[in-house]
Protein backbone atom coordinates (compact mmCIF):
# COMPACT_ATOMS: atom_id res chain seq x y z
CA MET A 1 -13.89 60.43 5.66
CA ILE A 2 -15.98 63.13 7.32
CA THR A 3 -15.09 64.00 10.89
CA THR A 4 -17.14 66.13 13.21
CA PRO A 5 -15.46 67.91 16.10
CA VAL A 6 -16.77 66.93 19.51
CA THR A 7 -17.48 70.35 20.98
CA ALA A 8 -20.35 69.46 23.33
CA MET A 9 -18.21 67.10 25.40
CA HIS A 10 -16.50 68.06 28.64
CA GLU A 11 -12.78 67.33 28.53
CA ASN A 12 -13.26 64.53 31.09
CA GLY A 13 -16.36 63.09 29.40
CA VAL A 14 -20.07 63.82 29.48
CA THR A 15 -21.15 65.97 32.43
CA TYR A 16 -24.87 65.11 32.18
CA TYR A 17 -27.53 63.65 29.90
CA THR A 18 -30.74 65.38 28.85
CA PRO A 19 -33.76 63.11 29.52
CA ALA A 20 -35.92 62.16 26.55
CA GLN A 21 -38.73 59.73 25.74
CA ILE A 22 -40.05 58.09 22.62
CA GLN A 23 -43.52 56.88 21.72
CA TYR A 24 -43.59 54.07 19.18
CA SER A 25 -46.66 52.07 18.14
CA PHE A 26 -46.57 48.54 16.79
CA GLY A 27 -48.80 45.50 16.77
CA PHE A 28 -48.62 41.89 17.85
CA PRO A 29 -50.14 39.32 15.47
CA GLU A 30 -53.51 37.92 16.60
CA ASP A 31 -53.06 38.75 20.33
CA LYS A 32 -49.77 36.83 20.52
CA THR A 33 -48.26 39.28 23.01
CA VAL A 34 -44.99 37.50 23.76
CA CYS A 35 -41.44 38.70 23.19
CA GLN A 36 -41.00 36.56 20.09
CA TRP A 37 -43.26 38.92 18.12
CA CYS A 38 -41.92 42.19 19.53
CA PRO A 39 -39.69 44.26 17.19
CA PHE A 40 -37.37 44.98 20.15
CA CYS A 41 -36.60 41.30 20.80
CA TYR A 42 -33.50 39.82 19.18
CA ALA A 43 -31.28 36.75 19.38
CA SER A 44 -27.79 37.62 20.55
CA GLY A 45 -24.59 35.74 19.77
CA GLU A 46 -23.90 32.17 18.77
CA LEU A 47 -26.02 30.75 21.59
CA LYS A 48 -29.08 32.69 20.35
CA ARG A 49 -29.91 34.16 23.74
CA TYR A 50 -32.90 36.41 23.37
CA VAL A 51 -32.55 39.97 24.66
CA CYS A 52 -34.82 43.02 24.86
CA ARG A 53 -33.31 46.02 23.07
CA ILE A 54 -35.17 48.41 25.38
CA THR A 55 -34.39 46.98 28.83
CA GLY A 56 -31.33 44.84 28.07
CA GLU A 57 -33.09 41.99 29.87
CA LEU A 58 -32.19 38.40 28.96
CA LEU A 59 -35.43 36.68 27.92
CA PRO A 60 -35.45 33.00 28.93
CA TYR A 61 -38.91 32.27 27.48
CA PRO A 62 -39.46 34.64 24.54
CA PHE A 63 -41.87 32.24 22.82
CA THR A 64 -44.26 31.87 25.77
CA SER A 65 -44.07 35.05 27.87
CA ARG A 66 -42.88 38.65 28.17
CA GLY A 67 -39.90 39.83 30.17
CA MET A 68 -40.31 40.89 33.80
CA ARG A 69 -39.28 44.46 32.92
CA CYS A 70 -41.33 44.74 29.71
CA PRO A 71 -42.29 48.42 29.23
CA VAL A 72 -44.91 47.78 26.53
CA ILE A 73 -48.28 49.36 27.29
CA PHE A 74 -51.27 47.73 25.63
CA GLU A 75 -54.15 49.82 24.33
CA ASP A 76 -57.68 48.86 25.35
CA LYS A 77 -59.64 47.23 22.56
CA GLU A 78 -62.81 49.02 21.54
CA VAL A 79 -65.90 46.88 21.90
CA GLU A 80 -68.15 47.03 18.84
């Protein structure tokens, strides 16, 4: 077993977090822009409650809508 010493931690826990962001591109199939098709949507537990991995929001209608706190930004389609 490999162990790494925790040297960046304050003795009483973390003193602050450094802000960071991520940009991740993915697609929805055939304009079906509901949670069901999002890679960040998953079914949690035995009751299969759908949850967003980004916001932690419970998703009551993942097959017909997006969550109220959905952070996904859609790109404009180019008109040919």
